[in-house]
Amino acid sequence: MRRRTFATPLTLFVLLLTALCSGCGQEAPEAPAKKEMLSQEELGDYSLGLAVRKMRFLWTLQQDSIDIKLVAPTKGWVGIGFNPETPENMKGASFIIGYVKGGEAQAFDHFGITENKHKDDEKLDGNTDFSNLSGSEQDGRTVLEFTVPLDSGDPKDRPLNLEENIVLLAYGRSDSVVLKHRFRALLRVNLSTGEHSVLIMK
């Protein structure tokens, strides 16, 4: 007569653990884009906005342009760039960089000419393609506001998508826009919804 065998508690535990870990070697799904919206009070007249550390990027989409507001904890320059050829560097990106001096805002339309260098569009046979420039400097904080077309047609500007864009945010210690940034962040941003993820932050 054959004797029946019963699984011991230890055997049952090993079997259960094996079943639970059967998918442990599978690659985890990509994390969804974050959606960290600024409060309505912070947004003011703007539709959408995000904060990366103490720097803020606010915007409102118009029919064929985008109104932008940059806020940073500096008395120096602030800047934004869009859609470089490769996300990790500046080459091919469109930049608007500016500062406030003596109560007057000044800004420049630049284009990324190498991985870590940009130059004024007008010196590259391009055009200055922003408008409605204004700004202020108070309590160690610089605010810059302007409007840029979604697609200027200028070969030294990168068209903006209503959905996914690579956005570079930065600010410096002084008004000299050729000096290295004090802070830099690289983000993937949906301009229609405000969804975003931070790719690099220094």
C-alpha atoms as a PDB file:
ATOM      1  CA  MET A   1       0.000   0.000   0.000  1.00  0.00           C
ATOM      2  CA  ARG A   2       1.483   3.359  -1.100  1.00  0.00           C
ATOM      3  CA  ARG A   3       1.834   5.918   1.668  1.00  0.00           C
ATOM      4  CA  ARG A   4       0.407   9.411   1.045  1.00  0.00           C
ATOM      5  CA  THR A   5       2.813  12.304   1.346  1.00  0.00           C
ATOM      6  CA  PHE A   6       1.789  15.776   2.492  1.00  0.00           C
ATOM      7  CA  ALA A   7       3.597  19.024   1.795  1.00  0.00           C
ATOM      8  CA  THR A   8       5.253  20.467   4.854  1.00  0.00           C
ATOM      9  CA  PRO A   9       4.681  24.108   5.819  1.00  0.00           C
ATOM     10  CA  LEU A  10       8.205  24.880   4.575  1.00  0.00           C
ATOM     11  CA  THR A  11       7.467  23.356   1.160  1.00  0.00           C
ATOM     12  CA  LEU A  12       4.242  25.342   0.849  1.00  0.00           C
ATOM     13  CA  PHE A  13       6.083  28.550   1.711  1.00  0.00           C
ATOM     14  CA  VAL A  14       8.760  27.900  -0.959  1.00  0.00           C
ATOM     15  CA  LEU A  15       6.076  27.217  -3.597  1.00  0.00           C
ATOM     16  CA  LEU A  16       4.219  30.435  -2.712  1.00  0.00           C
ATOM     17  CA  LEU A  17       7.418  32.497  -2.802  1.00  0.00           C
ATOM     18  CA  THR A  18       8.308  31.049  -6.221  1.00  0.00           C
ATOM     19  CA  ALA A  19       4.902  32.017  -7.613  1.00  0.00           C
ATOM     20  CA  LEU A  20       5.133  35.563  -6.274  1.00  0.00           C
ATOM     21  CA  CYS A  21       8.599  36.105  -7.745  1.00  0.00           C
ATOM     22  CA  SER A  22       7.905  34.565 -11.138  1.00  0.00           C
ATOM     23  CA  GLY A  23       7.646  38.071 -12.685  1.00  0.00           C
ATOM     24  CA  CYS A  24      10.497  39.658 -10.767  1.00  0.00           C
ATOM     25  CA  GLY A  25      12.838  39.594 -13.760  1.00  0.00           C
ATOM     26  CA  GLN A  26      10.477  41.565 -15.968  1.00  0.00           C
ATOM     27  CA  GLU A  27      11.295  45.195 -16.769  1.00  0.00           C
ATOM     28  CA  ALA A  28       9.239  47.688 -14.769  1.00  0.00           C
ATOM     29  CA  PRO A  29       6.894  49.900 -16.805  1.00  0.00           C
ATOM     30  CA  GLU A  30       7.976  53.486 -17.420  1.00  0.00           C
ATOM     31  CA  ALA A  31       6.744  55.877 -14.742  1.00  0.00           C
ATOM     32  CA  PRO A  32       3.996  58.234 -15.925  1.00  0.00           C
ATOM     33  CA  ALA A  33       4.777  61.914 -16.445  1.00  0.00           C
ATOM     34  CA  LYS A  34       4.284  63.997 -13.343  1.00  0.00           C
ATOM     35  CA  LYS A  35       1.527  66.565 -13.248  1.00  0.00           C
ATOM     36  CA  GLU A  36       2.492  69.122 -10.616  1.00  0.00           C
ATOM     37  CA  MET A  37       0.396  72.180 -11.292  1.00  0.00           C
ATOM     38  CA  LEU A  38       0.922  75.568  -9.695  1.00  0.00           C
ATOM     39  CA  SER A  39      -1.926  76.987  -7.678  1.00  0.00           C
ATOM     40  CA  GLN A  40      -4.329  79.421  -9.296  1.00  0.00           C
ATOM     41  CA  GLU A  41      -2.859  82.166  -7.123  1.00  0.00           C
ATOM     42  CA  GLU A  42       0.633  81.416  -8.445  1.00  0.00           C
ATOM     43  CA  LEU A  43      -0.596  81.181 -12.037  1.00  0.00           C
ATOM     44  CA  GLY A  44      -2.290  84.582 -12.006  1.00  0.00           C
ATOM     45  CA  ASP A  45      -3.290  85.360 -15.592  1.00  0.00           C
ATOM     46  CA  TYR A  46      -1.522  82.283 -17.004  1.00  0.00           C
ATOM     47  CA  SER A  47      -3.205  78.972 -17.826  1.00  0.00           C
ATOM     48  CA  LEU A  48      -0.508  76.466 -16.851  1.00  0.00           C
ATOM     49  CA  GLY A  49       2.742  76.408 -14.976  1.00  0.00           C
ATOM     50  CA  LEU A  50       5.362  74.273 -13.269  1.00  0.00           C
ATOM     51  CA  ALA A  51       8.099  74.726 -10.703  1.00  0.00           C
ATOM     52  CA  VAL A  52      11.550  73.127 -10.670  1.00  0.00           C
ATOM     53  CA  ARG A  53      13.199  73.908  -7.367  1.00  0.00           C
ATOM     54  CA  LYS A  54      12.740  77.671  -7.069  1.00  0.00           C
ATOM     55  CA  MET A  55      12.429  78.416 -10.787  1.00  0.00           C
ATOM     56  CA  ARG A  56       8.993  78.707 -12.393  1.00  0.00           C
ATOM     57  CA  PHE A  57       7.809  78.420 -15.978  1.00  0.00           C
ATOM     58  CA  LEU A  58       4.254  79.645 -16.650  1.00  0.00           C
ATOM     59  CA  TRP A  59       2.504  79.792 -20.014  1.00  0.00           C
ATOM     60  CA  THR A  60      -0.704  80.334 -21.958  1.00  0.00           C
ATOM     61  CA  LEU A  61      -1.216  78.867 -25.422  1.00  0.00           C
ATOM     62  CA  GLN A  62      -2.714  81.170 -28.030  1.00  0.00           C
ATOM     63  CA  GLN A  63      -3.831  80.197 -31.536  1.00  0.00           C
ATOM     64  CA  ASP A  64      -0.371  80.466 -33.086  1.00  0.00           C
ATOM     65  CA  SER A  65       1.847  81.621 -30.202  1.00  0.00           C
ATOM     66  CA  ILE A  66       2.655  81.028 -26.547  1.00  0.00           C
ATOM     67  CA  ASP A  67       2.823  83.631 -23.757  1.00  0.00           C
ATOM     68  CA  ILE A  68       5.631  82.779 -21.347  1.00  0.00           C
ATOM     69  CA  LYS A  69       6.603  83.914 -17.860  1.00  0.00           C
ATOM     70  CA  LEU A  70       9.888  82.922 -16.213  1.00  0.00           C
ATOM     71  CA  VAL A  71      10.568  83.490 -12.525  1.00  0.00           C
ATOM     72  CA  ALA A  72      13.895  82.726 -10.849  1.00  0.00           C
ATOM     73  CA  PRO A  73      15.650  83.566  -7.554  1.00  0.00           C
ATOM     74  CA  THR A  74      18.408  85.650  -9.127  1.00  0.00           C
ATOM     75  CA  LYS A  75      19.377  89.201 -10.025  1.00  0.00           C
ATOM     76  CA  GLY A  76      20.980  87.820 -13.174  1.00  0.00           C
ATOM     77  CA  TRP A  77      19.719  86.360 -16.444  1.00  0.00           C
ATOM     78  CA  VAL A  78      16.930  83.826 -16.876  1.00  0.00           C
ATOM     79  CA  GLY A  79      16.329  81.693 -19.930  1.00  0.00           C
ATOM     80  CA  ILE A  80      14.329  78.977 -21.619  1.00  0.00           C
ATOM     81  CA  GLY A  81      15.175  76.695 -24.526  1.00  0.00           C
ATOM     82  CA  PHE A  82      13.097  74.371 -26.684  1.00  0.00           C
ATOM     83  CA  ASN A  83      13.702  71.114 -28.528  1.00  0.00           C
ATOM     84  CA  PRO A  84      17.454  70.596 -28.945  1.00  0.00           C
ATOM     85  CA  GLU A  85      18.626  67.989 -31.440  1.00  0.00           C
ATOM     86  CA  THR A  86      19.429  65.656 -28.547  1.00  0.00           C
ATOM     87  CA  PRO A  87      17.950  66.200 -25.070  1.00  0.00           C
ATOM     88  CA  GLU A  88      21.269  66.184 -23.220  1.00  0.00           C
ATOM     89  CA  ASN A  89      22.757  69.315 -24.803  1.00  0.00           C
ATOM     90  CA  MET A  90      22.045  72.725 -26.391  1.00  0.00           C
ATOM     91  CA  LYS A  91      22.731  72.080 -30.072  1.00  0.00           C
ATOM     92  CA  GLY A  92      19.808  72.988 -32.317  1.00  0.00           C
ATOM     93  CA  ALA A  93      17.650  74.419 -29.524  1.00  0.00           C
ATOM     94  CA  SER A  94      15.827  77.770 -29.626  1.00  0.00           C
ATOM     95  CA  PHE A  95      16.548  80.016 -26.636  1.00  0.00           C
ATOM     96  CA  ILE A  96      15.110  83.209 -25.206  1.00  0.00           C
ATOM     97  CA  ILE A  97      17.489  84.639 -22.612  1.00  0.00           C
ATOM     98  CA  GLY A  98      17.083  87.923 -20.798  1.00  0.00           C
ATOM     99  CA  TYR A  99      17.475  90.044 -17.699  1.00  0.00           C
ATOM    100  CA  VAL A 100      16.214  93.223 -16.092  1.00  0.00           C
ATOM    101  CA  LYS A 101      18.501  96.214 -15.631  1.00  0.00           C
ATOM    102  CA  GLY A 102      17.467  99.626 -14.362  1.00  0.00           C
ATOM    103  CA  GLY A 103      13.851  98.486 -14.378  1.00  0.00           C
ATOM    104  CA  GLU A 104      13.970  97.646 -18.096  1.00  0.00           C
ATOM    105  CA  ALA A 105      13.775  94.126 -19.527  1.00  0.00           C
ATOM    106  CA  GLN A 106      16.234  93.058 -22.191  1.00  0.00           C
ATOM    107  CA  ALA A 107      16.200  89.723 -23.991  1.00  0.00           C
ATOM    108  CA  PHE A 108      17.851  87.886 -26.866  1.00  0.00           C
ATOM    109  CA  ASP A 109      16.787  85.190 -29.303  1.00  0.00           C
ATOM    110  CA  HIS A 110      19.568  82.585 -29.453  1.00  0.00           C
ATOM    111  CA  PHE A 111      20.224  79.295 -31.237  1.00  0.00           C
ATOM    112  CA  GLY A 112      22.305  76.365 -29.974  1.00  0.00           C
ATOM    113  CA  ILE A 113      25.334  76.078 -32.271  1.00  0.00           C
ATOM    114  CA  THR A 114      27.221  73.349 -30.353  1.00  0.00           C
ATOM    115  CA  GLU A 115      26.543  70.997 -27.475  1.00  0.00           C
ATOM    116  CA  ASN A 116      27.303  73.707 -24.895  1.00  0.00           C
ATOM    117  CA  LYS A 117      27.197  77.021 -26.761  1.00  0.00           C
ATOM    118  CA  HIS A 118      24.492  79.277 -28.192  1.00  0.00           C
ATOM    119  CA  LYS A 119      24.585  82.448 -30.271  1.00  0.00           C
ATOM    120  CA  ASP A 120      22.274  85.339 -31.200  1.00  0.00           C
ATOM    121  CA  ASP A 121      19.993  84.415 -34.117  1.00  0.00           C
ATOM    122  CA  GLU A 122      20.714  87.685 -35.900  1.00  0.00           C
ATOM    123  CA  LYS A 123      24.404  86.781 -36.068  1.00  0.00           C
ATOM    124  CA  LEU A 124      23.442  83.479 -37.714  1.00  0.00           C
ATOM    125  CA  ASP A 125      21.245  84.959 -40.473  1.00  0.00           C
ATOM    126  CA  GLY A 126      18.154  84.399 -38.344  1.00  0.00           C
ATOM    127  CA  ASN A 127      15.658  86.801 -36.777  1.00  0.00           C
ATOM    128  CA  THR A 128      14.554  87.935 -33.338  1.00  0.00           C
ATOM    129  CA  ASP A 129      11.143  86.286 -33.053  1.00  0.00           C
ATOM    130  CA  PHE A 130       9.711  87.221 -29.650  1.00  0.00           C
ATOM    131  CA  SER A 131       7.416  90.101 -28.698  1.00  0.00           C
ATOM    132  CA  ASN A 132       5.588  91.666 -25.732  1.00  0.00           C
ATOM    133  CA  LEU A 133       8.725  91.722 -23.603  1.00  0.00           C
ATOM    134  CA  SER A 134       8.428  92.927 -19.998  1.00  0.00           C
ATOM    135  CA  GLY A 135      10.078  92.157 -16.701  1.00  0.00           C
ATOM    136  CA  SER A 136      10.870  93.114 -13.147  1.00  0.00           C
ATOM    137  CA  GLU A 137      13.537  92.551 -10.535  1.00  0.00           C
ATOM    138  CA  GLN A 138      12.607  92.661  -6.867  1.00  0.00           C
ATOM    139  CA  ASP A 139      13.619  90.974  -3.602  1.00  0.00           C
ATOM    140  CA  GLY A 140      16.364  88.989  -5.314  1.00  0.00           C
ATOM    141  CA  ARG A 141      13.975  87.596  -7.918  1.00  0.00           C
ATOM    142  CA  THR A 142      13.820  88.207 -11.669  1.00  0.00           C
ATOM    143  CA  VAL A 143      10.608  87.929 -13.675  1.00  0.00           C
ATOM    144  CA  LEU A 144      10.650  87.920 -17.474  1.00  0.00           C
ATOM    145  CA  GLU A 145       7.564  87.767 -19.728  1.00  0.00           C
ATOM    146  CA  PHE A 146       7.334  87.509 -23.520  1.00  0.00           C
ATOM    147  CA  THR A 147       5.503  85.877 -26.423  1.00  0.00           C
ATOM    148  CA  VAL A 148       6.988  83.545 -29.032  1.00  0.00           C
ATOM    149  CA  PRO A 149       5.351  82.028 -32.116  1.00  0.00           C
ATOM    150  CA  LEU A 150       4.697  78.297 -32.107  1.00  0.00           C
ATOM    151  CA  ASP A 151       6.340  78.164 -35.538  1.00  0.00           C
ATOM    152  CA  SER A 152       8.119  81.332 -36.656  1.00  0.00           C
ATOM    153  CA  GLY A 153       9.387  79.853 -39.908  1.00  0.00           C
ATOM    154  CA  ASP A 154      12.869  81.040 -38.927  1.00  0.00           C
ATOM    155  CA  PRO A 155      15.441  78.254 -39.545  1.00  0.00           C
ATOM    156  CA  LYS A 156      17.077  79.314 -36.256  1.00  0.00           C
ATOM    157  CA  ASP A 157      13.891  78.599 -34.270  1.00  0.00           C
ATOM    158  CA  ARG A 158      12.548  75.162 -33.437  1.00  0.00           C
ATOM    159  CA  PRO A 159       8.763  74.726 -33.856  1.00  0.00           C
ATOM    160  CA  LEU A 160       6.831  73.998 -30.660  1.00  0.00           C
ATOM    161  CA  ASN A 161       4.371  71.123 -30.403  1.00  0.00           C
ATOM    162  CA  LEU A 162       1.107  71.376 -28.532  1.00  0.00           C
ATOM    163  CA  GLU A 163       2.064  68.152 -26.809  1.00  0.00           C
ATOM    164  CA  GLU A 164       5.534  66.822 -26.038  1.00  0.00           C
ATOM    165  CA  ASN A 165       8.499  69.225 -26.036  1.00  0.00           C
ATOM    166  CA  ILE A 166      11.954  69.161 -24.517  1.00  0.00           C
ATOM    167  CA  VAL A 167      12.305  72.312 -22.408  1.00  0.00           C
ATOM    168  CA  LEU A 168      15.517  73.693 -20.916  1.00  0.00           C
ATOM    169  CA  LEU A 169      15.252  76.102 -17.973  1.00  0.00           C
ATOM    170  CA  ALA A 170      18.198  78.005 -16.521  1.00  0.00           C
ATOM    171  CA  TYR A 171      19.329  81.128 -14.725  1.00  0.00           C
ATOM    172  CA  GLY A 172      22.658  82.781 -14.008  1.00  0.00           C
ATOM    173  CA  ARG A 173      24.285  84.835 -11.282  1.00  0.00           C
ATOM    174  CA  SER A 174      24.748  88.008 -13.367  1.00  0.00           C
ATOM    175  CA  ASP A 175      23.256  89.816 -16.368  1.00  0.00           C
ATOM    176  CA  SER A 176      25.970  88.472 -18.677  1.00  0.00           C
ATOM    177  CA  VAL A 177      24.162  85.870 -20.770  1.00  0.00           C
ATOM    178  CA  VAL A 178      27.450  84.323 -21.913  1.00  0.00           C
ATOM    179  CA  LEU A 179      28.395  83.235 -18.393  1.00  0.00           C
ATOM    180  CA  LYS A 180      27.579  79.716 -17.241  1.00  0.00           C
ATOM    181  CA  HIS A 181      24.263  79.008 -15.587  1.00  0.00           C
ATOM    182  CA  ARG A 182      23.859  78.757 -11.831  1.00  0.00           C
ATOM    183  CA  PHE A 183      20.912  76.385 -12.233  1.00  0.00           C
ATOM    184  CA  ARG A 184      19.823  74.205 -15.146  1.00  0.00           C
ATOM    185  CA  ALA A 185      16.962  71.762 -15.663  1.00  0.00           C
ATOM    186  CA  LEU A 186      15.888  69.650 -18.620  1.00  0.00           C
ATOM    187  CA  LEU A 187      12.248  68.601 -18.803  1.00  0.00           C
ATOM    188  CA  ARG A 188       9.779  66.819 -21.055  1.00  0.00           C
ATOM    189  CA  VAL A 189       6.630  68.989 -21.097  1.00  0.00           C
ATOM    190  CA  ASN A 190       3.160  68.672 -22.592  1.00  0.00           C
ATOM    191  CA  LEU A 191       2.219  72.290 -23.288  1.00  0.00           C
ATOM    192  CA  SER A 192      -1.481  71.445 -23.615  1.00  0.00           C
ATOM    193  CA  THR A 193      -1.908  69.728 -20.253  1.00  0.00           C
ATOM    194  CA  GLY A 194       1.045  70.797 -18.096  1.00  0.00           C
ATOM    195  CA  GLU A 195       2.159  67.182 -17.603  1.00  0.00           C
ATOM    196  CA  HIS A 196       5.927  67.044 -17.255  1.00  0.00           C
ATOM    197  CA  SER A 197       8.854  64.968 -16.115  1.00  0.00           C
ATOM    198  CA  VAL A 198      12.285  66.197 -15.022  1.00  0.00           C
ATOM    199  CA  LEU A 199      15.077  64.532 -16.989  1.00  0.00           C
ATOM    200  CA  ILE A 200      18.100  66.462 -15.660  1.00  0.00           C
ATOM    201  CA  MET A 201      18.475  68.999 -12.854  1.00  0.00           C
ATOM    202  CA  LYS A 202      21.738  70.659 -11.786  1.00  0.00           C
END
